[in-house]
Amino acid sequence: MHIPDGYLSPATCAVMGAAMVPVLATATKKVNSTFDKKDIPTMAIGSAFAFTVMMFNVPIPGGTTAHAVGATLLAIALGPWGASISLTIALLIQSLFFGDGGILALGANSFNMAFLAPFAGYGVYVLLQKLKVGKVISSAVGAYIGINAAALATAIELGLQPVLFHAADGRALYFPYGLSQSIPAIMIAHLTVAGLVEAVITGLVVYYLMRAGEGNILYKFSYRLRGESK
């Protein structure tokens, strides 16, 4: 799902980057008002987890990849705003040091995976919780929806490039395939494989965190899952 540089126009990269500025500004304020300094290592664990699961990329047609993200899991454990910061940090490190996702495309990748994915997944999780669905099932369904929301946004951003940015003879200047090709190519892989993997990983980790003992390094992650306060 990481978009490399050269697939999006500079204008698209600028717009997506600008869209992430208020998101990260709000996230910073929310985290500063609700997190203690001693909770920063917990967010670092979240970034490390997201970084790790996103490194297992499977190339798919269309110039992008399918992989787990861990966005909904982090949104449940840290809150969606905390998850947004943790995921953005993971994406930044990947783009700068591993070439996984473009530097100019960081805004788009962050919008998809550090904003849409955690908020969509968390929203579904909260809704299912209100309907008295179990936390493990709620988290798994939320994760499936979250990662596919991010995948759809990626497909649309790529598929719009030949429509919006092309030469006088119609030749695409950036990503060459339209929506009719980008959406099926990306969504089939995520609806059938990556989404299921994300759901299983999230459900299993939530199940484990709900039973984490106080001495466990991941204990802080489980406050929201058990319905406790710090």
Protein backbone atom coordinates (compact mmCIF):
# COMPACT_ATOMS: atom_id res chain seq x y z
CA MET A 1 0.00 0.00 0.00
CA HIS A 2 3.06 2.25 0.21
CA ILE A 3 3.06 4.65 -2.73
CA PRO A 4 6.58 5.31 -4.09
CA ASP A 5 7.77 8.64 -5.40
CA GLY A 6 6.99 9.35 -9.05
CA TYR A 7 3.55 7.74 -8.97
CA LEU A 8 1.74 10.83 -7.69
CA SER A 9 2.06 14.33 -9.12
CA PRO A 10 3.81 17.01 -7.04
CA ALA A 11 0.43 18.74 -6.73
CA THR A 12 -1.19 15.60 -5.33
CA CYS A 13 1.70 15.10 -2.90
CA ALA A 14 1.37 18.72 -1.76
CA VAL A 15 -2.38 18.45 -1.22
CA MET A 16 -2.10 15.18 0.71
CA GLY A 17 0.77 16.54 2.78
CA ALA A 18 -1.23 19.67 3.59
CA ALA A 19 -4.20 17.50 4.59
CA MET A 20 -2.04 15.73 7.17
CA VAL A 21 -0.85 18.97 8.82
CA PRO A 22 -4.09 19.65 10.77
CA VAL A 23 -4.43 15.94 11.54
CA LEU A 24 -0.99 15.76 13.13
CA ALA A 25 -1.45 19.13 14.85
CA THR A 26 -4.69 17.95 16.43
CA ALA A 27 -3.14 14.60 17.28
CA THR A 28 -0.26 16.31 19.04
CA LYS A 29 -2.62 18.43 21.13
CA LYS A 30 -4.78 15.43 22.01
CA VAL A 31 -1.80 13.32 23.00
CA ASN A 32 -0.22 16.13 25.04
CA SER A 33 -3.46 16.59 26.98
CA THR A 34 -4.19 12.90 27.63
CA PHE A 35 -0.80 11.15 27.76
CA ASP A 36 1.82 11.36 30.50
CA LYS A 37 5.52 11.53 29.65
CA LYS A 38 5.85 7.99 30.97
CA ASP A 39 3.44 6.87 28.23
CA ILE A 40 5.81 7.91 25.42
CA PRO A 41 7.60 4.51 25.44
CA THR A 42 4.19 2.91 24.92
CA MET A 43 3.71 4.93 21.76
CA ALA A 44 7.22 3.94 20.69
CA ILE A 45 6.22 0.29 21.05
CA GLY A 46 3.24 1.04 18.82
CA SER A 47 5.48 2.58 16.17
CA ALA A 48 7.85 -0.39 16.34
CA PHE A 49 4.96 -2.82 15.97
CA ALA A 50 3.52 -0.98 12.96
CA PHE A 51 6.98 -0.66 11.42
CA THR A 52 7.54 -4.40 11.75
CA VAL A 53 4.24 -5.62 10.33
CA MET A 54 4.37 -3.14 7.44
CA MET A 55 7.80 -4.36 6.38
CA PHE A 56 6.31 -7.65 5.18
CA ASN A 57 5.26 -6.32 1.77
CA VAL A 58 3.76 -8.47 -0.95
CA PRO A 59 4.01 -6.81 -4.42
CA ILE A 60 0.71 -6.61 -6.30
CA PRO A 61 -0.13 -5.41 -9.83
CA GLY A 62 -0.32 -1.65 -10.20
CA GLY A 63 2.94 -0.60 -8.62
CA THR A 64 2.09 -0.86 -4.93
CA THR A 65 2.07 -3.51 -2.20
CA ALA A 66 -0.24 -5.36 0.17
CA HIS A 67 0.65 -5.75 3.83
CA ALA A 68 -0.71 -5.54 7.34
CA VAL A 69 -0.69 -2.14 9.06
CA GLY A 70 -1.81 -2.60 12.66
CA ALA A 71 -3.71 0.71 12.53
CA THR A 72 -6.90 -0.40 14.26
CA LEU A 73 -4.99 -2.25 16.96
CA LEU A 74 -3.00 0.89 17.77
CA ALA A 75 -6.15 3.01 17.67
CA ILE A 76 -7.80 0.73 20.23
CA ALA A 77 -4.75 0.63 22.47
CA LEU A 78 -3.53 4.24 22.15
CA GLY A 79 -6.61 6.04 20.89
CA PRO A 80 -6.91 7.04 17.22
CA TRP A 81 -4.92 10.25 17.69
CA GLY A 82 -2.05 8.46 19.39
CA ALA A 83 -2.16 5.79 16.69
CA SER A 84 -1.96 8.48 14.00
CA ILE A 85 1.31 9.79 15.44
CA SER A 86 2.81 6.34 15.97
CA LEU A 87 1.95 5.24 12.43
CA THR A 88 3.26 8.46 10.88
CA ILE A 89 6.58 8.00 12.67
CA ALA A 90 6.80 4.41 11.39
CA LEU A 91 6.04 5.55 7.84
CA LEU A 92 8.60 8.36 8.07
CA ILE A 93 11.35 5.95 9.14
CA GLN A 94 10.42 3.51 6.39
CA SER A 95 10.55 6.18 3.69
CA LEU A 96 13.78 7.80 4.86
CA PHE A 97 15.88 4.75 5.66
CA PHE A 98 14.33 1.81 3.82
CA GLY A 99 12.86 3.31 0.65
CA ASP A 100 9.48 1.81 1.55
CA GLY A 101 7.12 4.51 0.32
CA GLY A 102 8.26 7.75 -1.23
CA ILE A 103 9.47 10.75 0.72
CA LEU A 104 7.34 13.13 -1.36
CA ALA A 105 4.44 10.67 -1.08
CA LEU A 106 4.71 10.55 2.72
CA GLY A 107 1.68 12.81 3.10
CA ALA A 108 -0.48 10.51 0.98
CA ASN A 109 0.78 7.35 2.69
CA SER A 110 0.24 8.93 6.10
CA PHE A 111 -3.25 10.09 5.16
CA ASN A 112 -4.17 6.58 4.05
CA MET A 113 -2.50 4.48 6.73
CA ALA A 114 -2.09 6.87 9.67
CA PHE A 115 -5.44 8.66 9.40
CA LEU A 116 -8.07 6.78 7.42
CA ALA A 117 -7.10 3.30 8.61
CA PRO A 118 -7.02 3.95 12.38
CA PHE A 119 -10.07 6.22 12.45
CA ALA A 120 -12.21 4.00 10.20
CA GLY A 121 -11.19 0.86 12.06
CA TYR A 122 -11.68 2.46 15.48
CA GLY A 123 -15.07 3.84 14.45
CA VAL A 124 -16.26 0.36 13.46
CA TYR A 125 -14.83 -1.09 16.68
CA VAL A 126 -16.71 1.46 18.82
CA LEU A 127 -19.94 0.92 16.88
CA LEU A 128 -19.77 -2.86 17.32
CA GLN A 129 -18.99 -2.43 21.00
CA LYS A 130 -22.18 -0.37 21.38
CA LEU A 131 -24.00 -3.26 19.73
CA LYS A 132 -22.57 -5.59 22.42
CA VAL A 133 -20.29 -7.47 20.04
CA GLY A 134 -17.25 -9.04 21.71
CA LYS A 135 -14.05 -7.01 21.77
CA VAL A 136 -12.01 -9.56 19.83
CA ILE A 137 -14.56 -9.79 17.02
CA SER A 138 -15.12 -6.02 17.05
CA SER A 139 -11.41 -5.35 16.73
CA ALA A 140 -10.99 -7.90 13.94
CA VAL A 141 -13.89 -6.46 11.90
CA GLY A 142 -12.66 -2.93 12.54
CA ALA A 143 -9.18 -3.88 11.37
CA TYR A 144 -10.57 -5.41 8.18
CA ILE A 145 -12.57 -2.27 7.41
CA GLY A 146 -9.74 0.07 8.36
CA ILE A 147 -7.08 -1.44 6.12
CA ASN A 148 -9.49 -1.69 3.20
CA ALA A 149 -10.49 1.96 3.62
CA ALA A 150 -6.82 2.86 3.34
CA ALA A 151 -6.38 0.57 0.34
CA LEU A 152 -9.36 2.13 -1.45
CA ALA A 153 -7.99 5.62 -0.87
CA THR A 154 -4.64 4.50 -2.28
CA ALA A 155 -6.33 3.05 -5.35
CA ILE A 156 -8.31 6.24 -5.94
CA GLU A 157 -5.29 8.50 -5.52
CA LEU A 158 -3.32 6.44 -8.02
CA GLY A 159 -6.19 5.94 -10.44
CA LEU A 160 -6.93 9.68 -10.66
CA GLN A 161 -3.41 10.52 -11.81
CA PRO A 162 -3.85 9.78 -15.55
CA VAL A 163 -7.16 11.64 -15.50
CA LEU A 164 -5.80 14.78 -13.86
CA PHE A 165 -2.22 14.88 -15.10
CA HIS A 166 -1.48 13.96 -18.69
CA ALA A 167 0.29 15.34 -21.76
CA ALA A 168 -1.50 16.92 -24.70
CA ASP A 169 -1.55 13.57 -26.49
CA GLY A 170 -3.23 11.91 -23.49
CA ARG A 171 -0.09 10.18 -22.21
CA ALA A 172 -0.10 9.88 -18.43
CA LEU A 173 2.64 11.89 -16.72
CA TYR A 174 2.71 9.86 -13.53
CA PHE A 175 0.81 6.70 -12.60
CA PRO A 176 -0.44 5.34 -15.95
CA TYR A 177 -3.48 3.26 -14.95
CA GLY A 178 -6.98 4.59 -14.38
CA LEU A 179 -9.51 3.82 -11.68
CA SER A 180 -10.91 0.86 -13.58
CA GLN A 181 -7.53 -0.82 -13.22
CA SER A 182 -6.13 0.53 -9.95
CA ILE A 183 -9.19 -0.20 -7.80
CA PRO A 184 -9.56 -3.90 -8.74
CA ALA A 185 -5.81 -4.50 -8.64
CA ILE A 186 -5.40 -3.09 -5.14
CA MET A 187 -8.75 -3.96 -3.59
CA ILE A 188 -8.85 -7.62 -4.60
CA ALA A 189 -5.54 -8.23 -2.83
CA HIS A 190 -6.66 -6.40 0.31
CA LEU A 191 -10.21 -7.73 0.46
CA THR A 192 -9.08 -11.33 0.08
CA VAL A 193 -5.64 -11.51 1.70
CA ALA A 194 -4.23 -8.45 3.46
CA GLY A 195 -7.52 -7.56 5.14
CA LEU A 196 -7.95 -11.06 6.53
CA VAL A 197 -4.36 -11.12 7.78
CA GLU A 198 -4.89 -7.73 9.44
CA ALA A 199 -8.09 -8.96 11.07
CA VAL A 200 -6.51 -12.15 12.40
CA ILE A 201 -3.42 -10.37 13.76
CA THR A 202 -5.53 -7.68 15.42
CA GLY A 203 -7.97 -10.14 16.96
CA LEU A 204 -5.21 -12.34 18.34
CA VAL A 205 -3.23 -9.45 19.80
CA VAL A 206 -6.36 -7.94 21.36
CA TYR A 207 -7.16 -11.33 22.89
CA TYR A 208 -3.65 -11.46 24.35
CA LEU A 209 -3.65 -7.85 25.59
CA MET A 210 -6.93 -8.35 27.40
CA ARG A 211 -5.17 -10.97 29.48
CA ALA A 212 -1.80 -9.23 29.84
CA GLY A 213 -0.48 -9.27 33.38
CA GLU A 214 0.71 -6.10 35.12
CA GLY A 215 4.32 -7.19 34.80
CA ASN A 216 4.02 -7.54 31.03
CA ILE A 217 5.71 -4.85 28.94
CA LEU A 218 2.50 -4.53 26.90
CA TYR A 219 0.30 -4.08 29.99
CA LYS A 220 -0.36 -0.38 29.31
CA PHE A 221 -1.80 -1.24 25.92
CA SER A 222 -4.60 -3.14 27.61
CA TYR A 223 -6.24 -0.32 29.60
CA ARG A 224 -8.82 0.55 26.98
CA LEU A 225 -9.39 -3.10 26.16
CA ARG A 226 -10.28 -3.93 29.74
CA GLY A 227 -12.26 -0.72 30.20
CA GLU A 228 -9.94 0.57 32.95
CA SER A 229 -8.42 3.97 33.51
CA LYS A 230 -4.77 4.65 34.21
